[in-house]
PDB file of N, CA and C in Angstrom:
ATOM      1  N   MET A   1      11.748   7.155 -15.308  1.00  0.00           N
ATOM      2  CA  MET A   1      10.629   6.632 -14.554  1.00  0.00           C
ATOM      3  C   MET A   1       9.358   6.757 -15.385  1.00  0.00           C
ATOM      4  N   THR A   2       8.529   5.772 -15.272  1.00  0.00           N
ATOM      5  CA  THR A   2       7.272   5.736 -16.005  1.00  0.00           C
ATOM      6  C   THR A   2       6.247   6.647 -15.338  1.00  0.00           C
ATOM      7  N   THR A   3       5.515   7.384 -16.155  1.00  0.00           N
ATOM      8  CA  THR A   3       4.498   8.290 -15.622  1.00  0.00           C
ATOM      9  C   THR A   3       3.150   7.579 -15.502  1.00  0.00           C
ATOM     10  N   TYR A   4       2.295   8.152 -14.702  1.00  0.00           N
ATOM     11  CA  TYR A   4       0.949   7.592 -14.545  1.00  0.00           C
ATOM     12  C   TYR A   4       0.227   7.601 -15.897  1.00  0.00           C
ATOM     13  N   GLU A   5       0.441   8.640 -16.677  1.00  0.00           N
ATOM     14  CA  GLU A   5      -0.201   8.755 -17.991  1.00  0.00           C
ATOM     15  C   GLU A   5       0.242   7.628 -18.920  1.00  0.00           C
ATOM     16  N   GLU A   6       1.518   7.271 -18.879  1.00  0.00           N
ATOM     17  CA  GLU A   6       2.020   6.163 -19.706  1.00  0.00           C
ATOM     18  C   GLU A   6       1.381   4.841 -19.282  1.00  0.00           C
ATOM     19  N   ILE A   7       1.232   4.652 -17.986  1.00  0.00           N
ATOM     20  CA  ILE A   7       0.590   3.439 -17.478  1.00  0.00           C
ATOM     21  C   ILE A   7      -0.874   3.401 -17.918  1.00  0.00           C
ATOM     22  N   GLN A   8      -1.561   4.521 -17.800  1.00  0.00           N
ATOM     23  CA  GLN A   8      -2.961   4.590 -18.207  1.00  0.00           C
ATOM     24  C   GLN A   8      -3.114   4.300 -19.703  1.00  0.00           C
ATOM     25  N   THR A   9      -2.237   4.860 -20.525  1.00  0.00           N
ATOM     26  CA  THR A   9      -2.294   4.647 -21.967  1.00  0.00           C
ATOM     27  C   THR A   9      -2.051   3.186 -22.313  1.00  0.00           C
ATOM     28  N   TYR A  10      -1.052   2.578 -21.677  1.00  0.00           N
ATOM     29  CA  TYR A  10      -0.738   1.168 -21.918  1.00  0.00           C
ATOM     30  C   TYR A  10      -1.950   0.285 -21.587  1.00  0.00           C
ATOM     31  N   ILE A  11      -2.559   0.514 -20.429  1.00  0.00           N
ATOM     32  CA  ILE A  11      -3.707  -0.301 -20.007  1.00  0.00           C
ATOM     33  C   ILE A  11      -4.895  -0.071 -20.934  1.00  0.00           C
ATOM     34  N   LYS A  12      -5.112   1.164 -21.347  1.00  0.00           N
ATOM     35  CA  LYS A  12      -6.219   1.482 -22.258  1.00  0.00           C
ATOM     36  C   LYS A  12      -6.039   0.766 -23.592  1.00  0.00           C
ATOM     37  N   GLN A  13      -4.811   0.762 -24.126  1.00  0.00           N
ATOM     38  CA  GLN A  13      -4.551   0.121 -25.408  1.00  0.00           C
ATOM     39  C   GLN A  13      -4.631  -1.398 -25.313  1.00  0.00           C
ATOM     40  N   LYS A  14      -4.122  -1.975 -24.239  1.00  0.00           N
ATOM     41  CA  LYS A  14      -4.067  -3.429 -24.110  1.00  0.00           C
ATOM     42  C   LYS A  14      -5.390  -4.035 -23.650  1.00  0.00           C
ATOM     43  N   TYR A  15      -6.071  -3.392 -22.701  1.00  0.00           N
ATOM     44  CA  TYR A  15      -7.275  -3.973 -22.103  1.00  0.00           C
ATOM     45  C   TYR A  15      -8.561  -3.223 -22.432  1.00  0.00           C
ATOM     46  N   GLY A  16      -8.434  -2.021 -22.961  1.00  0.00           N
ATOM     47  CA  GLY A  16      -9.617  -1.242 -23.313  1.00  0.00           C
ATOM     48  C   GLY A  16     -10.347  -0.661 -22.119  1.00  0.00           C
ATOM     49  N   ILE A  17      -9.652  -0.542 -20.987  1.00  0.00           N
ATOM     50  CA  ILE A  17     -10.273   0.055 -19.803  1.00  0.00           C
ATOM     51  C   ILE A  17      -9.461   1.261 -19.352  1.00  0.00           C
ATOM     52  N   THR A  18     -10.107   2.137 -18.636  1.00  0.00           N
ATOM     53  CA  THR A  18      -9.447   3.318 -18.102  1.00  0.00           C
ATOM     54  C   THR A  18      -9.273   3.137 -16.602  1.00  0.00           C
ATOM     55  N   VAL A  19      -8.057   3.400 -16.120  1.00  0.00           N
ATOM     56  CA  VAL A  19      -7.803   3.306 -14.682  1.00  0.00           C
ATOM     57  C   VAL A  19      -7.527   4.698 -14.140  1.00  0.00           C
ATOM     58  N   LYS A  20      -7.928   4.911 -12.907  1.00  0.00           N
ATOM     59  CA  LYS A  20      -7.718   6.200 -12.254  1.00  0.00           C
ATOM     60  C   LYS A  20      -6.298   6.280 -11.710  1.00  0.00           C
ATOM     61  N   THR A  21      -5.761   7.476 -11.634  1.00  0.00           N
ATOM     62  CA  THR A  21      -4.421   7.653 -11.080  1.00  0.00           C
ATOM     63  C   THR A  21      -4.370   7.247  -9.616  1.00  0.00           C
ATOM     64  N   CYS A  22      -5.466   7.446  -8.894  1.00  0.00           N
ATOM     65  CA  CYS A  22      -5.484   7.045  -7.479  1.00  0.00           C
ATOM     66  C   CYS A  22      -5.399   5.527  -7.349  1.00  0.00           C
ATOM     67  N   TRP A  23      -5.924   4.783  -8.321  1.00  0.00           N
ATOM     68  CA  TRP A  23      -5.794   3.329  -8.301  1.00  0.00           C
ATOM     69  C   TRP A  23      -4.342   2.932  -8.520  1.00  0.00           C
ATOM     70  N   ILE A  24      -3.666   3.617  -9.433  1.00  0.00           N
ATOM     71  CA  ILE A  24      -2.255   3.327  -9.687  1.00  0.00           C
ATOM     72  C   ILE A  24      -1.439   3.593  -8.428  1.00  0.00           C
ATOM     73  N   ALA A  25      -1.707   4.699  -7.765  1.00  0.00           N
ATOM     74  CA  ALA A  25      -0.994   5.031  -6.526  1.00  0.00           C
ATOM     75  C   ALA A  25      -1.262   3.980  -5.454  1.00  0.00           C
ATOM     76  N   HIS A  26      -2.483   3.504  -5.360  1.00  0.00           N
ATOM     77  CA  HIS A  26      -2.831   2.483  -4.366  1.00  0.00           C
ATOM     78  C   HIS A  26      -2.054   1.193  -4.631  1.00  0.00           C
ATOM     79  N   VAL A  27      -2.001   0.758  -5.889  1.00  0.00           N
ATOM     80  CA  VAL A  27      -1.279  -0.470  -6.223  1.00  0.00           C
ATOM     81  C   VAL A  27       0.228  -0.272  -6.028  1.00  0.00           C
ATOM     82  N   LYS A  28       0.728   0.925  -6.288  1.00  0.00           N
ATOM     83  CA  LYS A  28       2.140   1.206  -6.004  1.00  0.00           C
ATOM     84  C   LYS A  28       2.434   0.987  -4.523  1.00  0.00           C
ATOM     85  N   GLU A  29       1.562   1.467  -3.659  1.00  0.00           N
ATOM     86  CA  GLU A  29       1.732   1.258  -2.219  1.00  0.00           C
ATOM     87  C   GLU A  29       1.698  -0.229  -1.881  1.00  0.00           C
ATOM     88  N   LEU A  30       0.773  -0.971  -2.497  1.00  0.00           N
ATOM     89  CA  LEU A  30       0.659  -2.405  -2.245  1.00  0.00           C
ATOM     90  C   LEU A  30       1.927  -3.149  -2.671  1.00  0.00           C
ATOM     91  N   CYS A  31       2.607  -2.641  -3.700  1.00  0.00           N
ATOM     92  CA  CYS A  31       3.823  -3.278  -4.210  1.00  0.00           C
ATOM     93  C   CYS A  31       5.084  -2.779  -3.512  1.00  0.00           C
ATOM     94  N   GLY A  32       4.937  -1.859  -2.572  1.00  0.00           N
ATOM     95  CA  GLY A  32       6.089  -1.345  -1.846  1.00  0.00           C
ATOM     96  C   GLY A  32       6.820  -0.226  -2.567  1.00  0.00           C
ATOM     97  N   LEU A  33       6.217   0.305  -3.614  1.00  0.00           N
ATOM     98  CA  LEU A  33       6.805   1.446  -4.322  1.00  0.00           C
ATOM     99  C   LEU A  33       6.342   2.722  -3.637  1.00  0.00           C
ATOM    100  N   ASN A  34       7.031   3.809  -3.849  1.00  0.00           N
ATOM    101  CA  ASN A  34       6.684   5.071  -3.210  1.00  0.00           C
ATOM    102  C   ASN A  34       5.938   5.972  -4.179  1.00  0.00           C
ATOM    103  N   PRO A  35       4.595   5.998  -4.083  1.00  0.00           N
ATOM    104  CA  PRO A  35       3.854   6.896  -4.970  1.00  0.00           C
ATOM    105  C   PRO A  35       3.968   8.341  -4.500  1.00  0.00           C
ATOM    106  N   LYS A  36       3.749   9.237  -5.422  1.00  0.00           N
ATOM    107  CA  LYS A  36       3.693  10.648  -5.044  1.00  0.00           C
ATOM    108  C   LYS A  36       2.405  10.882  -4.267  1.00  0.00           C
ATOM    109  N   ILE A  37       2.456  11.772  -3.312  1.00  0.00           N
ATOM    110  CA  ILE A  37       1.269  12.116  -2.529  1.00  0.00           C
ATOM    111  C   ILE A  37       0.559  13.264  -3.237  1.00  0.00           C
ATOM    112  N   ALA A  38      -0.681  13.029  -3.608  1.00  0.00           N
ATOM    113  CA  ALA A  38      -1.461  14.046  -4.308  1.00  0.00           C
ATOM    114  C   ALA A  38      -1.715  15.236  -3.390  1.00  0.00           C
ATOM    115  N   VAL A  39      -1.682  16.418  -3.963  1.00  0.00           N
ATOM    116  CA  VAL A  39      -1.885  17.625  -3.163  1.00  0.00           C
ATOM    117  C   VAL A  39      -3.308  17.702  -2.604  1.00  0.00           C
ATOM    118  N   ASN A  40      -4.252  17.044  -3.266  1.00  0.00           N
ATOM    119  CA  ASN A  40      -5.640  17.103  -2.819  1.00  0.00           C
ATOM    120  C   ASN A  40      -6.021  15.899  -1.957  1.00  0.00           C
ATOM    121  N   ARG A  41      -5.066  15.073  -1.576  1.00  0.00           N
ATOM    122  CA  ARG A  41      -5.361  13.909  -0.745  1.00  0.00           C
ATOM    123  C   ARG A  41      -5.706  14.377   0.660  1.00  0.00           C
ATOM    124  N   GLN A  42      -6.848  13.915   1.160  1.00  0.00           N
ATOM    125  CA  GLN A  42      -7.353  14.403   2.436  1.00  0.00           C
ATOM    126  C   GLN A  42      -6.749  13.684   3.631  1.00  0.00           C
ATOM    127  N   SER A  43      -6.427  12.397   3.474  1.00  0.00           N
ATOM    128  CA  SER A  43      -5.899  11.621   4.585  1.00  0.00           C
ATOM    129  C   SER A  43      -4.776  10.719   4.088  1.00  0.00           C
ATOM    130  N   LEU A  44      -3.692  10.639   4.839  1.00  0.00           N
ATOM    131  CA  LEU A  44      -2.584   9.782   4.450  1.00  0.00           C
ATOM    132  C   LEU A  44      -2.827   8.324   4.826  1.00  0.00           C
ATOM    133  N   THR A  45      -3.807   8.056   5.679  1.00  0.00           N
ATOM    134  CA  THR A  45      -4.060   6.695   6.131  1.00  0.00           C
ATOM    135  C   THR A  45      -5.306   6.058   5.509  1.00  0.00           C
ATOM    136  N   ARG A  46      -6.138   6.855   4.892  1.00  0.00           N
ATOM    137  CA  ARG A  46      -7.391   6.339   4.340  1.00  0.00           C
ATOM    138  C   ARG A  46      -7.516   6.774   2.886  1.00  0.00           C
ATOM    139  N   ARG A  47      -8.012   5.869   2.050  1.00  0.00           N
ATOM    140  CA  ARG A  47      -8.218   6.178   0.632  1.00  0.00           C
ATOM    141  C   ARG A  47      -9.699   6.370   0.348  1.00  0.00           C
ATOM    142  N   LYS A  48     -10.004   7.436  -0.359  1.00  0.00           N
ATOM    143  CA  LYS A  48     -11.388   7.693  -0.736  1.00  0.00           C
ATOM    144  C   LYS A  48     -11.807   6.751  -1.862  1.00  0.00           C
ATOM    145  N   HIS A  49     -10.884   6.468  -2.799  1.00  0.00           N
ATOM    146  CA  HIS A  49     -11.159   5.589  -3.929  1.00  0.00           C
ATOM    147  C   HIS A  49     -10.066   4.524  -4.032  1.00  0.00           C
ATOM    148  N   PRO A  50     -10.144   3.465  -3.215  1.00  0.00           N
ATOM    149  CA  PRO A  50      -9.139   2.402  -3.334  1.00  0.00           C
ATOM    150  C   PRO A  50      -9.326   1.638  -4.653  1.00  0.00           C
ATOM    151  N   CYS A  51      -8.270   1.014  -5.102  1.00  0.00           N
ATOM    152  CA  CYS A  51      -8.322   0.268  -6.358  1.00  0.00           C
ATOM    153  C   CYS A  51      -9.239  -0.945  -6.210  1.00  0.00           C
ATOM    154  N   PRO A  52     -10.169  -1.132  -7.154  1.00  0.00           N
ATOM    155  CA  PRO A  52     -11.018  -2.329  -7.107  1.00  0.00           C
ATOM    156  C   PRO A  52     -10.149  -3.584  -7.264  1.00  0.00           C
ATOM    157  N   SER A  53     -10.530  -4.645  -6.578  1.00  0.00           N
ATOM    158  CA  SER A  53      -9.713  -5.862  -6.572  1.00  0.00           C
ATOM    159  C   SER A  53      -9.546  -6.467  -7.964  1.00  0.00           C
ATOM    160  N   ASN A  54     -10.510  -6.272  -8.857  1.00  0.00           N
ATOM    161  CA  ASN A  54     -10.397  -6.841 -10.198  1.00  0.00           C
ATOM    162  C   ASN A  54      -9.460  -6.040 -11.108  1.00  0.00           C
ATOM    163  N   LYS A  55      -8.997  -4.888 -10.669  1.00  0.00           N
ATOM    164  CA  LYS A  55      -8.069  -4.074 -11.475  1.00  0.00           C
ATOM    165  C   LYS A  55      -6.627  -4.173 -10.986  1.00  0.00           C
ATOM    166  N   ILE A  56      -6.408  -4.711  -9.797  1.00  0.00           N
ATOM    167  CA  ILE A  56      -5.062  -4.770  -9.223  1.00  0.00           C
ATOM    168  C   ILE A  56      -4.118  -5.574 -10.103  1.00  0.00           C
ATOM    169  N   ALA A  57      -4.551  -6.739 -10.568  1.00  0.00           N
ATOM    170  CA  ALA A  57      -3.687  -7.596 -11.394  1.00  0.00           C
ATOM    171  C   ALA A  57      -3.322  -6.909 -12.712  1.00  0.00           C
ATOM    172  N   ILE A  58      -4.248  -6.172 -13.277  1.00  0.00           N
ATOM    173  CA  ILE A  58      -3.990  -5.464 -14.542  1.00  0.00           C
ATOM    174  C   ILE A  58      -2.932  -4.381 -14.332  1.00  0.00           C
ATOM    175  N   ILE A  59      -3.056  -3.636 -13.259  1.00  0.00           N
ATOM    176  CA  ILE A  59      -2.092  -2.574 -12.982  1.00  0.00           C
ATOM    177  C   ILE A  59      -0.724  -3.172 -12.655  1.00  0.00           C
ATOM    178  N   LYS A  60      -0.695  -4.260 -11.903  1.00  0.00           N
ATOM    179  CA  LYS A  60       0.581  -4.915 -11.606  1.00  0.00           C
ATOM    180  C   LYS A  60       1.239  -5.423 -12.886  1.00  0.00           C
ATOM    181  N   GLU A  61       0.444  -5.917 -13.824  1.00  0.00           N
ATOM    182  CA  GLU A  61       0.999  -6.375 -15.107  1.00  0.00           C
ATOM    183  C   GLU A  61       1.624  -5.209 -15.856  1.00  0.00           C
ATOM    184  N   ALA A  62       0.995  -4.051 -15.788  1.00  0.00           N
ATOM    185  CA  ALA A  62       1.564  -2.859 -16.423  1.00  0.00           C
ATOM    186  C   ALA A  62       2.878  -2.470 -15.749  1.00  0.00           C
ATOM    187  N   PHE A  63       2.946  -2.597 -14.428  1.00  0.00           N
ATOM    188  CA  PHE A  63       4.192  -2.320 -13.708  1.00  0.00           C
ATOM    189  C   PHE A  63       5.295  -3.256 -14.188  1.00  0.00           C
ATOM    190  N   LYS A  64       4.967  -4.526 -14.383  1.00  0.00           N
ATOM    191  CA  LYS A  64       5.954  -5.488 -14.872  1.00  0.00           C
ATOM    192  C   LYS A  64       6.397  -5.139 -16.285  1.00  0.00           C
ATOM    193  N   HIS A  65       5.435  -4.725 -17.122  1.00  0.00           N
ATOM    194  CA  HIS A  65       5.759  -4.326 -18.495  1.00  0.00           C
ATOM    195  C   HIS A  65       6.767  -3.176 -18.506  1.00  0.00           C
ATOM    196  N   PHE A  66       6.587  -2.229 -17.622  1.00  0.00           N
ATOM    197  CA  PHE A  66       7.481  -1.076 -17.551  1.00  0.00           C
ATOM    198  C   PHE A  66       8.680  -1.313 -16.611  1.00  0.00           C
ATOM    199  N   ARG A  67       8.834  -2.559 -16.155  1.00  0.00           N
ATOM    200  CA  ARG A  67       9.949  -2.971 -15.277  1.00  0.00           C
ATOM    201  C   ARG A  67      10.030  -2.148 -13.996  1.00  0.00           C
ATOM    202  N   MET A  68       8.857  -1.876 -13.441  1.00  0.00           N
ATOM    203  CA  MET A  68       8.809  -1.157 -12.165  1.00  0.00           C
ATOM    204  C   MET A  68       8.890  -2.142 -11.009  1.00  0.00           C
ATOM    205  N   ILE A  69       8.413  -3.375 -11.257  1.00  0.00           N
ATOM    206  CA  ILE A  69       8.506  -4.449 -10.253  1.00  0.00           C
ATOM    207  C   ILE A  69       9.087  -5.674 -10.912  1.00  0.00           C
TER     208      ILE A  69
END
C-alpha cells in the first residue's frame, strides 16, 4: 500500500506543490477509499481542513499513478 509520504513526494516532484495529509485523507474519502483516522481528529463528520477544490484532481492523479483507483 502506498503511504501518504510517497504520495506527497510524488506530487512535490511532479507539480512542485506540497499537499497536507488531511487533504489526501479527504480525497480518499471522496474516492470511496478507507483512510486512516488520525488520532488528533476532533470530529468524524466535519473536517477542519478540507482539500481545496483545485488540489483534488492532482491528488486523484497521484492515486491513479499508484494504482489506488
